[in-house]
Amino acid sequence: MSQEDSSGYPYIPYGAPYGEQPPPQYGHGYGSPPPAPSSGPTANAIVALVLNCFSVVSCCNIFGIPGAILAGLALGRATTRPQTARTMLVWSWVLFGAGLVFTLGTFVFLGANGHLDD
């Protein structure tokens, strides 16, 4: 009752009972699964790099320079050595925070001593 089509799928006439249909012939499926998302810290490295560069330019934050260098190195190593990149990012954020605390402390000190009064 069923014949092979030139495409390899069996020919099933219209109205054939369900029990007489042969099982479908599965081919290769849908292909290989998509690659896993990168587990590297690229987004965090970009944010750290931008904030450290901004802190150097806007606040004269001296700790932002090594923080930006570490964030840039971490961005370059995010796909090849993610554990090293994470360590560099932690130090980059520590330097950013230390610079921010130092800058705020300097302004509080100058304001308390009257150097900012005009």
Protein backbone atom coordinates (compact mmCIF):
# COMPACT_ATOMS: atom_id res chain seq x y z
CA MET A 1 0.00 0.00 0.00
CA SER A 2 2.89 2.41 0.60
CA GLN A 3 5.62 3.12 -1.89
CA GLU A 4 8.98 4.82 -1.52
CA ASP A 5 9.13 8.37 -2.79
CA SER A 6 12.27 9.68 -4.52
CA SER A 7 13.00 11.81 -1.42
CA GLY A 8 13.22 8.72 0.81
CA TYR A 9 9.93 9.29 2.62
CA PRO A 10 7.22 6.66 2.27
CA TYR A 11 4.17 7.52 0.21
CA ILE A 12 1.00 7.30 2.29
CA PRO A 13 -2.22 7.65 0.32
CA TYR A 14 -4.90 10.00 1.56
CA GLY A 15 -7.33 8.33 3.90
CA ALA A 16 -5.06 5.45 4.90
CA PRO A 17 -5.84 4.12 8.36
CA TYR A 18 -3.52 5.21 11.13
CA GLY A 19 -2.31 1.72 11.93
CA GLU A 20 -1.02 1.17 8.41
CA GLN A 21 1.30 4.16 8.42
CA PRO A 22 4.96 3.26 8.76
CA PRO A 23 7.01 5.04 11.43
CA PRO A 24 8.73 8.20 10.25
CA GLN A 25 12.31 7.91 9.10
CA TYR A 26 14.36 10.27 11.18
CA GLY A 27 17.43 11.78 9.62
CA HIS A 28 20.06 13.90 11.25
CA GLY A 29 17.56 15.86 13.32
CA TYR A 30 18.03 19.55 13.81
CA GLY A 31 21.79 19.62 13.71
CA SER A 32 24.28 20.15 16.46
CA PRO A 33 23.25 22.06 19.57
CA PRO A 34 24.25 25.70 19.80
CA PRO A 35 27.51 26.48 21.56
CA ALA A 36 27.34 27.12 25.28
CA PRO A 37 27.41 30.79 26.26
CA SER A 38 30.80 32.09 27.21
CA SER A 39 31.40 31.78 30.91
CA GLY A 40 34.10 34.44 30.78
CA PRO A 41 33.62 37.69 32.66
CA THR A 42 33.50 39.95 29.61
CA ALA A 43 30.61 42.21 30.64
CA ASN A 44 32.07 42.75 34.09
CA ALA A 45 35.46 43.56 32.55
CA ILE A 46 33.95 46.14 30.21
CA VAL A 47 32.10 47.86 33.06
CA ALA A 48 35.23 47.88 35.23
CA LEU A 49 37.31 49.28 32.37
CA VAL A 50 34.84 52.08 31.62
CA LEU A 51 34.38 53.07 35.27
CA ASN A 52 38.10 53.04 36.00
CA CYS A 53 38.82 55.18 32.93
CA PHE A 54 36.01 57.55 33.88
CA SER A 55 37.33 57.85 37.43
CA VAL A 56 40.80 58.76 36.14
CA VAL A 57 39.44 61.47 33.88
CA SER A 58 36.79 62.96 36.13
CA CYS A 59 38.18 62.58 39.65
CA CYS A 60 41.92 62.41 39.05
CA ASN A 61 41.80 58.98 40.68
CA ILE A 62 45.34 57.65 40.67
CA PHE A 63 44.14 54.13 41.56
CA GLY A 64 42.03 54.07 38.41
CA ILE A 65 45.06 53.73 36.14
CA PRO A 66 46.18 50.30 37.41
CA GLY A 67 42.51 49.34 37.75
CA ALA A 68 41.91 50.15 34.09
CA ILE A 69 45.04 48.24 33.09
CA LEU A 70 43.90 45.18 35.05
CA ALA A 71 40.39 45.41 33.58
CA GLY A 72 41.82 45.63 30.07
CA LEU A 73 44.04 42.61 30.66
CA ALA A 74 41.09 40.73 32.13
CA LEU A 75 39.01 41.56 29.07
CA GLY A 76 41.71 40.11 26.85
CA ARG A 77 42.00 36.93 28.92
CA ALA A 78 38.29 36.39 29.57
CA THR A 79 37.93 33.65 26.96
CA THR A 80 41.32 31.97 27.22
CA ARG A 81 41.92 32.01 30.98
CA PRO A 82 38.68 32.92 32.79
CA GLN A 83 39.97 32.21 36.31
CA THR A 84 42.91 34.59 35.87
CA ALA A 85 40.55 37.17 34.38
CA ARG A 86 38.25 36.92 37.40
CA THR A 87 41.17 37.48 39.75
CA MET A 88 42.26 40.54 37.78
CA LEU A 89 38.71 41.86 37.85
CA VAL A 90 38.50 41.51 41.61
CA TRP A 91 41.68 43.58 41.96
CA SER A 92 40.39 46.07 39.43
CA TRP A 93 37.21 46.60 41.46
CA VAL A 94 39.24 46.81 44.69
CA LEU A 95 41.42 49.53 43.18
CA PHE A 96 38.33 51.35 41.90
CA GLY A 97 36.76 51.26 45.37
CA ALA A 98 39.97 52.31 47.09
CA GLY A 99 40.34 55.24 44.72
CA LEU A 100 36.74 56.26 45.29
CA VAL A 101 37.17 56.13 49.07
CA PHE A 102 40.45 58.07 48.82
CA THR A 103 38.87 60.76 46.63
CA LEU A 104 35.83 61.15 48.88
CA GLY A 105 38.09 61.23 51.96
CA THR A 106 40.19 63.95 50.38
CA PHE A 107 37.11 66.11 49.67
CA VAL A 108 35.79 65.59 53.20
CA PHE A 109 39.18 66.47 54.67
CA LEU A 110 39.51 69.59 52.53
CA GLY A 111 35.94 70.64 53.29
CA ALA A 112 36.36 70.12 57.05
CA ASN A 113 39.52 72.23 57.10
CA GLY A 114 37.94 75.08 55.17
CA HIS A 115 40.04 74.73 52.01
CA LEU A 116 36.93 74.48 49.84
CA ASP A 117 35.36 77.71 51.20
CA ASP A 118 35.46 80.60 48.87
